[in-house]
Amino acid sequence: MSNKEIDDLIVNLKVLSGLEQNKKLITKETFLNVEKPNILPESVKRYWRGDSRHETIKKIDLVINQAIEALPTRPDLITFIENTKKGITNLKETYTDCNQTKARLDTIIVKIDRLIEQNEYPRPRANSLSSNDSDRDTMVAQLNLNKNQDI
């Protein structure tokens, strides 16, 4: 993944992390965004854009899968992935009337929980993005050690 793709991914993970209850996502662009109230009813705007529960869940799953795939080269993404659970849980509360939607969102949460439980990726320290080269080398060595143990 290029640096721009990683940056885009981080933006989407952060938007997802900050999603509040009773808010819905706009999924038709590169970046996720939160639906804002205005004169048009939300349902009309979502229909016109082609947004739906199904499209929202597909986009969330895509973002999470992309982040998981990038973890071997960007272990710092684990924190962003973990933080998305709050927004996904809030989205579940938004769709309390739809068992299928809640079940599909639960599946994504379980995927995140399994990743965290496996603890395959070293947790970066708070300053890991600005850490020195030896810290990065230690993180890469730990990641490689974990990979070799699985073989």
N, C-alpha and C. Protein backbone atom coordinates (compact mmCIF):
# COMPACT_ATOMS: atom_id res chain seq x y z
N MET A 1 0.84 -1.19 0.00
CA MET A 1 0.00 0.00 0.00
C MET A 1 0.88 1.24 0.00
N SER A 2 0.49 2.21 -0.78
CA SER A 2 1.23 3.47 -0.82
C SER A 2 0.94 4.28 0.44
N ASN A 3 1.78 5.29 0.66
CA ASN A 3 1.57 6.17 1.81
C ASN A 3 0.22 6.87 1.74
N LYS A 4 -0.20 7.26 0.52
CA LYS A 4 -1.50 7.91 0.37
C LYS A 4 -2.62 6.95 0.73
N GLU A 5 -2.51 5.70 0.30
CA GLU A 5 -3.55 4.71 0.62
C GLU A 5 -3.61 4.46 2.13
N ILE A 6 -2.46 4.42 2.78
CA ILE A 6 -2.42 4.26 4.24
C ILE A 6 -3.06 5.47 4.91
N ASP A 7 -2.74 6.66 4.44
CA ASP A 7 -3.33 7.87 5.00
C ASP A 7 -4.85 7.87 4.83
N ASP A 8 -5.32 7.49 3.65
CA ASP A 8 -6.77 7.40 3.41
C ASP A 8 -7.41 6.38 4.35
N LEU A 9 -6.72 5.28 4.54
CA LEU A 9 -7.23 4.23 5.43
C LEU A 9 -7.33 4.74 6.86
N ILE A 10 -6.33 5.45 7.32
CA ILE A 10 -6.34 6.00 8.68
C ILE A 10 -7.50 6.99 8.84
N VAL A 11 -7.73 7.82 7.83
CA VAL A 11 -8.86 8.76 7.89
C VAL A 11 -10.16 7.98 8.07
N ASN A 12 -10.36 6.94 7.27
CA ASN A 12 -11.60 6.15 7.37
C ASN A 12 -11.72 5.44 8.71
N LEU A 13 -10.61 4.94 9.23
CA LEU A 13 -10.65 4.29 10.55
C LEU A 13 -11.01 5.30 11.63
N LYS A 14 -10.48 6.50 11.54
CA LYS A 14 -10.80 7.54 12.53
C LYS A 14 -12.26 7.98 12.44
N VAL A 15 -12.77 8.14 11.22
CA VAL A 15 -14.18 8.51 11.06
C VAL A 15 -15.06 7.42 11.66
N LEU A 16 -14.73 6.19 11.38
CA LEU A 16 -15.50 5.07 11.92
C LEU A 16 -15.41 5.04 13.45
N SER A 17 -14.25 5.31 13.99
CA SER A 17 -14.07 5.33 15.45
C SER A 17 -14.94 6.38 16.13
N GLY A 18 -15.13 7.51 15.46
CA GLY A 18 -15.88 8.61 16.05
C GLY A 18 -17.37 8.60 15.77
N LEU A 19 -17.86 7.56 15.12
CA LEU A 19 -19.28 7.51 14.78
C LEU A 19 -20.13 7.42 16.04
N GLU A 20 -21.11 8.30 16.14
CA GLU A 20 -21.99 8.33 17.31
C GLU A 20 -23.28 7.56 17.03
N GLN A 21 -23.98 7.21 18.12
CA GLN A 21 -25.27 6.54 17.98
C GLN A 21 -26.23 7.43 17.18
N ASN A 22 -27.08 6.77 16.42
CA ASN A 22 -28.11 7.42 15.61
C ASN A 22 -27.54 8.27 14.47
N LYS A 23 -26.29 8.08 14.14
CA LYS A 23 -25.68 8.72 12.98
C LYS A 23 -25.41 7.64 11.94
N LYS A 24 -25.49 8.02 10.68
CA LYS A 24 -25.27 7.07 9.59
C LYS A 24 -24.10 7.55 8.74
N LEU A 25 -23.49 6.59 8.05
CA LEU A 25 -22.31 6.88 7.25
C LEU A 25 -22.66 7.13 5.79
N ILE A 26 -21.91 8.04 5.20
CA ILE A 26 -21.91 8.22 3.75
C ILE A 26 -20.74 7.38 3.24
N THR A 27 -21.02 6.46 2.33
CA THR A 27 -20.00 5.49 1.93
C THR A 27 -19.60 5.57 0.47
N LYS A 28 -20.15 6.50 -0.28
CA LYS A 28 -19.98 6.50 -1.73
C LYS A 28 -18.72 7.21 -2.23
N GLU A 29 -17.94 7.75 -1.36
CA GLU A 29 -16.71 8.44 -1.76
C GLU A 29 -15.51 7.63 -1.26
N THR A 30 -14.32 8.13 -1.52
CA THR A 30 -13.11 7.49 -1.02
C THR A 30 -13.13 7.45 0.50
N PHE A 31 -13.58 8.57 1.09
CA PHE A 31 -13.59 8.68 2.54
C PHE A 31 -14.99 8.45 3.09
N LEU A 32 -15.05 7.74 4.21
CA LEU A 32 -16.30 7.66 4.95
C LEU A 32 -16.60 9.04 5.50
N ASN A 33 -17.87 9.33 5.66
CA ASN A 33 -18.27 10.60 6.26
C ASN A 33 -19.56 10.37 7.02
N VAL A 34 -19.85 11.26 7.96
CA VAL A 34 -21.06 11.14 8.76
C VAL A 34 -22.16 11.99 8.14
N GLU A 35 -23.33 11.40 8.02
CA GLU A 35 -24.51 12.10 7.46
C GLU A 35 -24.85 13.29 8.35
N LYS A 36 -24.99 14.46 7.74
CA LYS A 36 -25.36 15.68 8.47
C LYS A 36 -26.81 16.03 8.15
N PRO A 37 -27.54 16.50 9.14
CA PRO A 37 -28.93 16.90 8.87
C PRO A 37 -28.99 18.16 8.01
N ASN A 38 -29.97 18.22 7.13
CA ASN A 38 -30.25 19.43 6.38
C ASN A 38 -31.71 19.40 5.94
N ILE A 39 -32.07 20.20 4.96
CA ILE A 39 -33.48 20.34 4.56
C ILE A 39 -34.06 19.03 4.03
N LEU A 40 -33.29 18.31 3.21
CA LEU A 40 -33.78 17.04 2.65
C LEU A 40 -33.81 15.96 3.73
N PRO A 41 -34.84 15.15 3.74
CA PRO A 41 -34.85 14.03 4.68
C PRO A 41 -33.68 13.08 4.42
N GLU A 42 -33.15 12.52 5.48
CA GLU A 42 -32.01 11.61 5.39
C GLU A 42 -32.28 10.45 4.43
N SER A 43 -33.47 9.90 4.50
CA SER A 43 -33.80 8.75 3.65
C SER A 43 -33.73 9.11 2.16
N VAL A 44 -34.15 10.31 1.81
CA VAL A 44 -34.11 10.75 0.41
C VAL A 44 -32.65 10.91 -0.04
N LYS A 45 -31.84 11.54 0.80
CA LYS A 45 -30.43 11.73 0.45
C LYS A 45 -29.72 10.39 0.29
N ARG A 46 -29.97 9.46 1.19
CA ARG A 46 -29.31 8.15 1.12
C ARG A 46 -29.76 7.38 -0.12
N TYR A 47 -31.05 7.44 -0.45
CA TYR A 47 -31.56 6.77 -1.64
C TYR A 47 -30.93 7.36 -2.89
N TRP A 48 -30.86 8.68 -2.96
CA TRP A 48 -30.33 9.36 -4.12
C TRP A 48 -28.85 9.02 -4.34
N ARG A 49 -28.08 8.91 -3.23
CA ARG A 49 -26.66 8.58 -3.31
C ARG A 49 -26.43 7.09 -3.53
N GLY A 50 -27.43 6.27 -3.24
CA GLY A 50 -27.25 4.82 -3.32
C GLY A 50 -26.66 4.23 -2.05
N ASP A 51 -26.74 4.99 -0.95
CA ASP A 51 -26.27 4.48 0.34
C ASP A 51 -27.36 3.62 0.96
N SER A 52 -26.94 2.58 1.67
CA SER A 52 -27.88 1.70 2.35
C SER A 52 -27.14 1.00 3.49
N ARG A 53 -27.85 0.28 4.30
CA ARG A 53 -27.22 -0.50 5.37
C ARG A 53 -26.23 -1.49 4.77
N HIS A 54 -26.67 -2.13 3.69
CA HIS A 54 -25.82 -3.13 3.03
C HIS A 54 -24.51 -2.48 2.54
N GLU A 55 -24.61 -1.35 1.88
CA GLU A 55 -23.41 -0.67 1.37
C GLU A 55 -22.52 -0.19 2.52
N THR A 56 -23.13 0.27 3.59
CA THR A 56 -22.37 0.72 4.76
C THR A 56 -21.55 -0.42 5.34
N ILE A 57 -22.18 -1.57 5.52
CA ILE A 57 -21.48 -2.71 6.11
C ILE A 57 -20.38 -3.21 5.18
N LYS A 58 -20.66 -3.24 3.88
CA LYS A 58 -19.63 -3.64 2.92
C LYS A 58 -18.41 -2.72 3.00
N LYS A 59 -18.65 -1.42 3.08
CA LYS A 59 -17.55 -0.46 3.14
C LYS A 59 -16.77 -0.59 4.45
N ILE A 60 -17.47 -0.77 5.57
CA ILE A 60 -16.79 -0.95 6.85
C ILE A 60 -15.92 -2.20 6.81
N ASP A 61 -16.47 -3.29 6.30
CA ASP A 61 -15.72 -4.54 6.21
C ASP A 61 -14.50 -4.37 5.31
N LEU A 62 -14.65 -3.66 4.20
CA LEU A 62 -13.54 -3.40 3.29
C LEU A 62 -12.43 -2.61 4.00
N VAL A 63 -12.80 -1.58 4.72
CA VAL A 63 -11.82 -0.75 5.43
C VAL A 63 -11.08 -1.58 6.48
N ILE A 64 -11.82 -2.36 7.26
CA ILE A 64 -11.19 -3.19 8.29
C ILE A 64 -10.26 -4.22 7.65
N ASN A 65 -10.70 -4.88 6.58
CA ASN A 65 -9.86 -5.87 5.90
C ASN A 65 -8.60 -5.24 5.33
N GLN A 66 -8.72 -4.06 4.75
CA GLN A 66 -7.54 -3.37 4.22
C GLN A 66 -6.55 -3.04 5.35
N ALA A 67 -7.08 -2.61 6.48
CA ALA A 67 -6.21 -2.28 7.61
C ALA A 67 -5.51 -3.53 8.13
N ILE A 68 -6.24 -4.64 8.21
CA ILE A 68 -5.64 -5.89 8.67
C ILE A 68 -4.54 -6.34 7.70
N GLU A 69 -4.80 -6.23 6.41
CA GLU A 69 -3.80 -6.61 5.41
C GLU A 69 -2.55 -5.74 5.48
N ALA A 70 -2.69 -4.50 5.90
CA ALA A 70 -1.55 -3.58 5.98
C ALA A 70 -0.76 -3.74 7.27
N LEU A 71 -1.29 -4.47 8.25
CA LEU A 71 -0.63 -4.58 9.56
C LEU A 71 0.82 -5.08 9.51
N PRO A 72 1.16 -6.05 8.67
CA PRO A 72 2.56 -6.51 8.68
C PRO A 72 3.57 -5.40 8.41
N THR A 73 3.20 -4.43 7.60
CA THR A 73 4.11 -3.32 7.32
C THR A 73 3.80 -2.08 8.14
N ARG A 74 2.62 -2.03 8.73
CA ARG A 74 2.21 -0.88 9.54
C ARG A 74 1.54 -1.34 10.84
N PRO A 75 2.33 -1.90 11.77
CA PRO A 75 1.74 -2.41 13.01
C PRO A 75 1.04 -1.34 13.85
N ASP A 76 1.33 -0.06 13.59
CA ASP A 76 0.67 1.02 14.32
C ASP A 76 -0.82 1.09 14.01
N LEU A 77 -1.26 0.44 12.93
CA LEU A 77 -2.69 0.46 12.58
C LEU A 77 -3.55 -0.32 13.57
N ILE A 78 -2.95 -1.19 14.37
CA ILE A 78 -3.73 -2.01 15.31
C ILE A 78 -4.55 -1.13 16.25
N THR A 79 -3.98 -0.03 16.69
CA THR A 79 -4.69 0.87 17.61
C THR A 79 -5.89 1.51 16.91
N PHE A 80 -5.70 1.93 15.65
CA PHE A 80 -6.81 2.51 14.89
C PHE A 80 -7.92 1.48 14.68
N ILE A 81 -7.52 0.24 14.38
CA ILE A 81 -8.50 -0.83 14.16
C ILE A 81 -9.29 -1.07 15.45
N GLU A 82 -8.58 -1.19 16.55
CA GLU A 82 -9.23 -1.44 17.84
C GLU A 82 -10.21 -0.32 18.19
N ASN A 83 -9.86 0.90 17.90
CA ASN A 83 -10.73 2.04 18.22
C ASN A 83 -12.02 2.06 17.42
N THR A 84 -12.05 1.39 16.26
CA THR A 84 -13.26 1.38 15.44
C THR A 84 -14.40 0.63 16.10
N LYS A 85 -14.08 -0.23 17.06
CA LYS A 85 -15.14 -1.02 17.72
C LYS A 85 -16.20 -0.12 18.33
N LYS A 86 -15.79 1.02 18.87
CA LYS A 86 -16.76 1.94 19.49
C LYS A 86 -17.76 2.44 18.46
N GLY A 87 -17.27 2.91 17.32
CA GLY A 87 -18.16 3.41 16.27
C GLY A 87 -19.06 2.33 15.70
N ILE A 88 -18.50 1.13 15.51
CA ILE A 88 -19.31 0.02 14.98
C ILE A 88 -20.39 -0.36 15.98
N THR A 89 -20.05 -0.36 17.26
CA THR A 89 -21.04 -0.65 18.30
C THR A 89 -22.13 0.43 18.30
N ASN A 90 -21.74 1.68 18.13
CA ASN A 90 -22.73 2.76 18.06
C ASN A 90 -23.64 2.59 16.84
N LEU A 91 -23.08 2.14 15.73
CA LEU A 91 -23.89 1.90 14.54
C LEU A 91 -24.89 0.77 14.79
N LYS A 92 -24.47 -0.25 15.54
CA LYS A 92 -25.40 -1.32 15.92
C LYS A 92 -26.59 -0.76 16.67
N GLU A 93 -26.33 0.20 17.56
CA GLU A 93 -27.41 0.82 18.32
C GLU A 93 -28.32 1.64 17.42
N THR A 94 -27.77 2.19 16.36
CA THR A 94 -28.56 2.94 15.40
C THR A 94 -29.57 2.03 14.70
N TYR A 95 -29.15 0.80 14.45
CA TYR A 95 -30.00 -0.15 13.72
C TYR A 95 -30.58 -1.23 14.65
N THR A 96 -31.05 -0.83 15.81
CA THR A 96 -31.56 -1.80 16.78
C THR A 96 -32.75 -2.60 16.25
N ASP A 97 -33.43 -2.08 15.25
CA ASP A 97 -34.62 -2.76 14.73
C ASP A 97 -34.29 -3.82 13.68
N CYS A 98 -33.04 -3.98 13.31
CA CYS A 98 -32.67 -4.91 12.25
C CYS A 98 -31.66 -5.93 12.76
N ASN A 99 -32.14 -7.14 13.01
CA ASN A 99 -31.26 -8.19 13.53
C ASN A 99 -30.17 -8.58 12.55
N GLN A 100 -30.48 -8.57 11.25
CA GLN A 100 -29.46 -8.93 10.26
C GLN A 100 -28.31 -7.92 10.27
N THR A 101 -28.64 -6.65 10.30
CA THR A 101 -27.60 -5.61 10.32
C THR A 101 -26.75 -5.74 11.57
N LYS A 102 -27.39 -5.94 12.70
CA LYS A 102 -26.64 -6.09 13.95
C LYS A 102 -25.74 -7.32 13.91
N ALA A 103 -26.23 -8.41 13.33
CA ALA A 103 -25.43 -9.63 13.23
C ALA A 103 -24.22 -9.43 12.32
N ARG A 104 -24.42 -8.73 11.22
CA ARG A 104 -23.31 -8.47 10.30
C ARG A 104 -22.26 -7.56 10.94
N LEU A 105 -22.71 -6.57 11.70
CA LEU A 105 -21.78 -5.70 12.40
C LEU A 105 -21.06 -6.46 13.51
N ASP A 106 -21.78 -7.37 14.18
CA ASP A 106 -21.15 -8.22 15.19
C ASP A 106 -20.03 -9.06 14.59
N THR A 107 -20.23 -9.53 13.37
CA THR A 107 -19.22 -10.34 12.69
C THR A 107 -17.94 -9.53 12.51
N ILE A 108 -18.06 -8.27 12.17
CA ILE A 108 -16.89 -7.41 12.01
C ILE A 108 -16.22 -7.18 13.36
N ILE A 109 -17.02 -6.96 14.40
CA ILE A 109 -16.47 -6.76 15.74
C ILE A 109 -15.71 -8.01 16.20
N VAL A 110 -16.26 -9.19 15.93
CA VAL A 110 -15.60 -10.44 16.29
C VAL A 110 -14.27 -10.57 15.56
N LYS A 111 -14.24 -10.16 14.30
CA LYS A 111 -12.99 -10.19 13.52
C LYS A 111 -11.93 -9.32 14.19
N ILE A 112 -12.34 -8.15 14.65
CA ILE A 112 -11.41 -7.24 15.34
C ILE A 112 -10.96 -7.85 16.67
N ASP A 113 -11.92 -8.40 17.42
CA ASP A 113 -11.58 -9.02 18.71
C ASP A 113 -10.59 -10.16 18.54
N ARG A 114 -10.79 -10.99 17.53
CA ARG A 114 -9.86 -12.11 17.27
C ARG A 114 -8.47 -11.59 16.96
N LEU A 115 -8.40 -10.55 16.17
CA LEU A 115 -7.12 -9.96 15.83
C LEU A 115 -6.41 -9.47 17.09
N ILE A 116 -7.14 -8.81 17.94
CA ILE A 116 -6.56 -8.27 19.18
C ILE A 116 -6.15 -9.41 20.11
N GLU A 117 -6.98 -10.45 20.22
CA GLU A 117 -6.67 -11.59 21.08
C GLU A 117 -5.44 -12.34 20.60
N GLN A 118 -5.26 -12.43 19.29
CA GLN A 118 -4.09 -13.13 18.75
C GLN A 118 -2.82 -12.41 19.14
N ASN A 119 -2.94 -11.10 19.30
CA ASN A 119 -1.81 -10.28 19.74
C ASN A 119 -0.56 -10.56 18.91
N GLU A 120 -0.75 -10.74 17.61
CA GLU A 120 0.36 -11.02 16.72
C GLU A 120 1.21 -9.78 16.45
N TYR A 121 0.64 -8.63 16.67
CA TYR A 121 1.33 -7.41 16.30
C TYR A 121 1.70 -6.64 17.56
N PRO A 122 2.94 -6.17 17.63
CA PRO A 122 3.34 -5.41 18.81
C PRO A 122 2.55 -4.13 18.92
N ARG A 123 2.14 -3.80 20.13
CA ARG A 123 1.40 -2.56 20.36
C ARG A 123 2.38 -1.41 20.34
N PRO A 124 2.16 -0.45 19.46
CA PRO A 124 3.08 0.69 19.43
C PRO A 124 2.88 1.56 20.67
N ARG A 125 3.97 2.17 21.10
CA ARG A 125 3.86 3.12 22.20
C ARG A 125 3.23 4.40 21.68
N ALA A 126 2.84 5.26 22.57
CA ALA A 126 2.15 6.50 22.19
C ALA A 126 2.98 7.33 21.22
N ASN A 127 4.29 7.26 21.31
CA ASN A 127 5.14 8.06 20.44
C ASN A 127 5.72 7.24 19.29
N SER A 128 5.10 6.11 18.96
CA SER A 128 5.68 5.21 17.98
C SER A 128 5.79 5.82 16.60
N LEU A 129 4.91 6.74 16.25
CA LEU A 129 4.99 7.33 14.92
C LEU A 129 6.20 8.25 14.79
N SER A 130 6.71 8.71 15.92
CA SER A 130 7.88 9.58 15.86
C SER A 130 9.07 8.92 16.56
N SER A 131 9.03 7.61 16.76
CA SER A 131 10.09 6.93 17.47
C SER A 131 11.36 6.88 16.63
N ASN A 132 12.47 6.59 17.30
CA ASN A 132 13.72 6.54 16.56
C ASN A 132 13.87 5.21 15.82
N ASP A 133 14.95 5.10 15.03
CA ASP A 133 15.13 3.93 14.19
C ASP A 133 15.26 2.64 14.99
N SER A 134 15.89 2.68 16.16
CA SER A 134 16.06 1.46 16.94
C SER A 134 14.71 0.94 17.45
N ASP A 135 13.78 1.86 17.79
CA ASP A 135 12.44 1.44 18.20
C ASP A 135 11.72 0.76 17.05
N ARG A 136 11.84 1.34 15.86
CA ARG A 136 11.21 0.73 14.69
C ARG A 136 11.81 -0.64 14.40
N ASP A 137 13.15 -0.73 14.52
CA ASP A 137 13.82 -2.01 14.28
C ASP A 137 13.34 -3.07 15.27
N THR A 138 13.14 -2.67 16.53
CA THR A 138 12.64 -3.59 17.54
C THR A 138 11.24 -4.07 17.19
N MET A 139 10.37 -3.15 16.74
CA MET A 139 9.00 -3.53 16.37
C MET A 139 9.02 -4.48 15.18
N VAL A 140 9.85 -4.20 14.18
CA VAL A 140 9.93 -5.07 13.00
C VAL A 140 10.48 -6.44 13.41
N ALA A 141 11.50 -6.47 14.26
CA ALA A 141 12.06 -7.74 14.72
C ALA A 141 11.00 -8.56 15.46
N GLN A 142 10.22 -7.90 16.32
CA GLN A 142 9.16 -8.60 17.05
C GLN A 142 8.11 -9.15 16.10
N LEU A 143 7.74 -8.37 15.10
CA LEU A 143 6.77 -8.81 14.11
C LEU A 143 7.30 -10.02 13.35
N ASN A 144 8.57 -9.97 12.93
CA ASN A 144 9.16 -11.09 12.22
C ASN A 144 9.25 -12.32 13.10
N LEU A 145 9.56 -12.15 14.38
CA LEU A 145 9.61 -13.26 15.32
C LEU A 145 8.26 -13.94 15.43
N ASN A 146 7.21 -13.13 15.55
CA ASN A 146 5.85 -13.68 15.64
C ASN A 146 5.49 -14.44 14.37
N LYS A 147 5.87 -13.92 13.22
CA LYS A 147 5.58 -14.61 11.96
C LYS A 147 6.30 -15.95 11.90
N ASN A 148 7.58 -15.98 12.31
CA ASN A 148 8.36 -17.20 12.26
C ASN A 148 7.83 -18.27 13.21
N GLN A 149 7.25 -17.87 14.31
CA GLN A 149 6.69 -18.81 15.27
C GLN A 149 5.49 -19.52 14.70
N ASP A 150 4.77 -18.87 13.78
CA ASP A 150 3.59 -19.48 13.17
C ASP A 150 3.95 -20.52 12.12
N ILE A 151 5.18 -20.48 11.63
CA ILE A 151 5.58 -21.40 10.54
C ILE A 151 5.87 -22.77 11.05
